[in-house]
Amino acid sequence: MIHPDTEIRFISQEVGYGVVATKFLPAGTITWVHDQLDREFTLQQLNDYNDLYKNILETYCYRNNKGNYILCWDHGRYVNHSFKSNCLSTAYDFEIAIRDIHVGEQLTDDYGYLNVSEPFEPIDEGTDRKVVYPDDLLNFHQEWDTKINAAFPNIINVEQALLPVMHKKIWAKVESLIKKQENPESILVNHYPEK
C-alpha cells in the first residue's frame, strides 16, 4: 500500500503518470508497505497468461527475492524510476523516504533494486548511471544501505500512516533495531539471482 498522502498525476509525455506527495513526508516516513492485497505471481503463473495480461504484469510488477512478480493493488505501481530516488526499499517489505519529500514532488524508486529482467535506459538525469541493469542490486547495495541507514532511525520519530497495514513482527523488529542503534539488514537480501 502506498502512503495515503499521495496521488497519481500526469508528469509529462515522456514519463506518463507518477505518484506525487500531497503532504510533506519527512525522511524516515514509510512510503509503501507490501500488504495483504498485493498480488504475487510465480514465473509459471505469469507465463500461463495471454500476452495482454503478461504485458500488464511485466510493466507494473517488481520481482522479489524469490523471483516472483509482485503487483501492487493501488497506485503504488505508478512510482517512477530515478537514479536520484527519494525512496528506498528495505529488507522488511517496506520502503522509506531517504530524504524529505515536499508537496507536489514525485515519490521515486531506483528500479535497480527491483530485480529487473532486462537492462533498460530511462530518462537521462545527468547522473553517471545511464542504464538500469539486472545486477544493480549487487553493485550498488552498499550505497543504498548507507542512505537507508541514515534515514532508518527517523522511522520511530515521524508519523507513520501505514503502520496499521504493517505486520506487527516487522514493526517490532524495526523498533528493536532502532532502540539498540543497530543498522537494518542490507537491501541486498532483496536480490533475486537470475538464472
Protein backbone atom coordinates (compact mmCIF):
# COMPACT_ATOMS: atom_id res chain seq x y z
CA MET A 1 0.00 0.00 0.00
CA ILE A 2 1.30 3.42 -0.96
CA HIS A 3 1.26 6.27 1.56
CA PRO A 4 -2.24 7.83 1.76
CA ASP A 5 -0.88 11.37 1.34
CA THR A 6 -0.08 10.75 -2.33
CA GLU A 7 -1.97 10.81 -5.61
CA ILE A 8 -1.44 9.91 -9.25
CA ARG A 9 -0.65 12.86 -11.51
CA PHE A 10 0.33 13.24 -15.14
CA ILE A 11 4.04 14.10 -15.12
CA SER A 12 4.95 14.50 -18.80
CA GLN A 13 4.58 12.92 -22.23
CA GLU A 14 7.92 11.19 -21.78
CA VAL A 15 7.24 9.84 -18.26
CA GLY A 16 3.47 9.47 -18.22
CA TYR A 17 1.88 9.28 -14.78
CA GLY A 18 3.60 9.23 -11.41
CA VAL A 19 2.93 9.26 -7.68
CA VAL A 20 3.11 12.71 -6.09
CA ALA A 21 3.10 13.74 -2.41
CA THR A 22 0.03 15.74 -1.33
CA LYS A 23 1.55 16.47 2.10
CA PHE A 24 5.09 16.87 3.39
CA LEU A 25 6.69 13.44 4.03
CA PRO A 26 9.81 13.76 6.22
CA ALA A 27 12.81 11.45 5.90
CA GLY A 28 12.05 8.17 7.64
CA THR A 29 8.41 8.12 6.56
CA ILE A 30 7.31 4.67 5.47
CA THR A 31 6.08 5.39 1.95
CA TRP A 32 4.99 1.91 0.90
CA VAL A 33 4.26 -1.43 2.58
CA HIS A 34 3.78 -4.80 0.91
CA ASP A 35 0.32 -5.58 2.21
CA GLN A 36 -2.28 -8.35 2.06
CA LEU A 37 -3.96 -7.02 -1.09
CA ASP A 38 -0.79 -7.02 -3.21
CA ARG A 39 -0.74 -9.99 -5.60
CA GLU A 40 2.20 -12.36 -6.06
CA PHE A 41 2.67 -14.35 -9.28
CA THR A 42 5.24 -17.06 -9.99
CA LEU A 43 7.01 -17.08 -13.35
CA GLN A 44 4.90 -20.10 -14.33
CA GLN A 45 1.68 -18.22 -13.49
CA LEU A 46 2.89 -15.22 -15.49
CA ASN A 47 3.66 -17.43 -18.49
CA ASP A 48 0.23 -19.04 -18.31
CA TYR A 49 -1.45 -15.70 -19.06
CA ASN A 50 -2.06 -14.44 -22.57
CA ASP A 51 0.18 -11.67 -23.93
CA LEU A 52 -2.18 -8.86 -22.88
CA TYR A 53 -2.03 -9.85 -19.20
CA LYS A 54 1.67 -10.73 -19.41
CA ASN A 55 2.44 -7.25 -20.72
CA ILE A 56 0.49 -5.62 -17.89
CA LEU A 57 2.28 -7.71 -15.25
CA GLU A 58 5.71 -7.16 -16.78
CA THR A 59 5.05 -3.40 -16.86
CA TYR A 60 3.63 -2.91 -13.37
CA CYS A 61 5.28 -5.62 -11.26
CA TYR A 62 8.58 -5.78 -9.46
CA ARG A 63 10.31 -9.06 -8.60
CA ASN A 64 11.01 -10.17 -5.06
CA ASN A 65 13.98 -12.23 -3.87
CA LYS A 66 12.19 -15.44 -4.90
CA GLY A 67 11.85 -14.17 -8.47
CA ASN A 68 8.08 -13.83 -8.09
CA TYR A 69 6.25 -10.89 -9.60
CA ILE A 70 4.52 -8.54 -7.16
CA LEU A 71 1.64 -6.40 -8.41
CA CYS A 72 0.70 -3.50 -6.14
CA TRP A 73 -3.07 -3.23 -5.93
CA ASP A 74 -3.13 0.56 -5.53
CA HIS A 75 -1.35 3.44 -7.24
CA GLY A 76 1.99 2.33 -5.80
CA ARG A 77 2.58 0.64 -9.15
CA TYR A 78 2.93 4.11 -10.72
CA VAL A 79 6.04 5.08 -8.74
CA ASN A 80 8.61 6.08 -11.37
CA HIS A 81 12.30 5.32 -11.60
CA SER A 82 15.01 7.82 -10.72
CA PHE A 83 18.76 7.36 -10.27
CA LYS A 84 18.32 10.06 -7.60
CA SER A 85 15.37 8.34 -5.93
CA ASN A 86 13.90 9.75 -2.73
CA CYS A 87 12.59 6.36 -1.54
CA LEU A 88 14.42 3.09 -1.00
CA SER A 89 13.22 -0.40 -0.24
CA THR A 90 14.32 -2.06 2.98
CA ALA A 91 14.90 -5.72 3.79
CA TYR A 92 11.50 -5.79 5.50
CA ASP A 93 8.91 -5.41 2.69
CA PHE A 94 8.51 -1.66 3.08
CA GLU A 95 10.06 1.47 1.61
CA ILE A 96 11.11 4.64 3.37
CA ALA A 97 11.72 8.22 2.35
CA ILE A 98 15.50 8.63 2.49
CA ARG A 99 15.14 12.40 2.44
CA ASP A 100 12.30 14.88 2.91
CA ILE A 101 9.68 14.75 0.15
CA HIS A 102 7.81 18.00 -0.41
CA VAL A 103 4.23 18.63 -1.55
CA GLY A 104 3.98 18.18 -5.32
CA GLU A 105 7.20 16.16 -5.55
CA GLN A 106 7.19 12.71 -7.10
CA LEU A 107 7.96 9.66 -4.98
CA THR A 108 10.64 7.74 -6.89
CA ASP A 109 12.45 4.41 -6.69
CA ASP A 110 15.68 3.26 -8.26
CA TYR A 111 14.46 0.33 -10.34
CA GLY A 112 17.94 -1.16 -10.00
CA TYR A 113 16.86 -2.83 -6.75
CA LEU A 114 13.64 -4.25 -8.20
CA ASN A 115 15.25 -7.27 -9.91
CA VAL A 116 14.59 -6.19 -13.48
CA SER A 117 14.96 -9.00 -16.03
CA GLU A 118 16.40 -6.89 -18.86
CA PRO A 119 18.53 -3.73 -18.90
CA PHE A 120 16.71 -0.54 -19.81
CA GLU A 121 17.70 3.05 -20.42
CA PRO A 122 15.50 5.55 -18.55
CA ILE A 123 15.39 9.31 -18.99
CA ASP A 124 18.83 10.88 -18.67
CA GLU A 125 19.02 12.73 -15.34
CA GLY A 126 22.62 13.86 -15.71
CA THR A 127 23.91 11.07 -13.44
CA ASP A 128 26.84 8.76 -14.09
CA ARG A 129 24.45 5.81 -14.33
CA LYS A 130 22.51 5.78 -17.58
CA VAL A 131 21.14 2.20 -17.67
CA VAL A 132 19.32 0.04 -15.13
CA TYR A 133 20.82 -3.46 -15.09
CA PRO A 134 19.59 -6.74 -13.55
CA ASP A 135 22.70 -6.88 -11.32
CA ASP A 136 22.44 -3.30 -9.97
CA LEU A 137 21.49 -4.57 -6.53
CA LEU A 138 24.77 -6.47 -6.34
CA ASN A 139 26.73 -3.41 -7.45
CA PHE A 140 25.02 -0.61 -5.50
CA HIS A 141 23.64 -2.20 -2.32
CA GLN A 142 26.32 -0.63 -0.12
CA GLU A 143 25.50 2.87 -1.41
CA TRP A 144 21.78 2.24 -0.88
CA ASP A 145 22.39 0.73 2.58
CA THR A 146 24.20 3.91 3.63
CA LYS A 147 21.19 6.02 2.62
CA ILE A 148 18.73 3.66 4.32
CA ASN A 149 20.82 3.54 7.50
CA ALA A 150 20.87 7.36 7.68
CA ALA A 151 17.05 7.64 7.46
CA PHE A 152 16.11 4.47 9.37
CA PRO A 153 16.33 5.87 12.93
CA ASN A 154 13.78 8.56 11.98
CA ILE A 155 11.12 5.88 11.47
CA ILE A 156 10.05 5.99 15.14
CA ASN A 157 10.18 9.81 15.26
CA VAL A 158 7.76 10.63 12.44
CA GLU A 159 4.09 9.91 11.91
CA GLN A 160 3.57 6.56 10.19
CA ALA A 161 0.22 6.43 8.40
CA LEU A 162 0.97 2.94 7.06
CA LEU A 163 1.60 1.38 10.47
CA PRO A 164 -1.86 -0.29 10.56
CA VAL A 165 -1.01 -2.39 7.46
CA MET A 166 2.49 -3.36 8.58
CA HIS A 167 2.96 -6.81 10.08
CA LYS A 168 3.38 -6.46 13.86
CA LYS A 169 6.50 -8.65 13.89
CA ILE A 170 8.18 -6.40 11.34
CA TRP A 171 7.34 -3.27 13.32
CA ALA A 172 8.70 -4.91 16.50
CA LYS A 173 11.93 -5.74 14.61
CA VAL A 174 12.22 -2.12 13.38
CA GLU A 175 11.70 -0.71 16.88
CA SER A 176 14.24 -3.15 18.33
CA LEU A 177 16.90 -2.25 15.76
CA ILE A 178 16.42 1.46 16.34
CA LYS A 179 16.42 1.20 20.13
CA LYS A 180 19.62 -0.89 20.02
CA GLN A 181 21.08 1.59 17.49
CA GLU A 182 21.72 -1.27 15.07
CA ASN A 183 21.57 -0.97 11.31
CA PRO A 184 18.86 -2.89 9.47
CA GLU A 185 19.71 -5.85 7.26
CA SER A 186 21.17 -4.95 3.90
CA ILE A 187 18.89 -4.21 0.95
CA LEU A 188 20.91 -6.98 -0.72
CA VAL A 189 18.55 -9.56 0.84
CA ASN A 190 16.03 -8.44 -1.80
CA HIS A 191 18.27 -9.70 -4.63
CA TYR A 192 16.97 -12.43 -6.91
CA PRO A 193 19.85 -14.19 -8.68
CA GLU A 194 18.56 -14.53 -12.23
CA LYS A 195 19.45 -17.96 -13.57
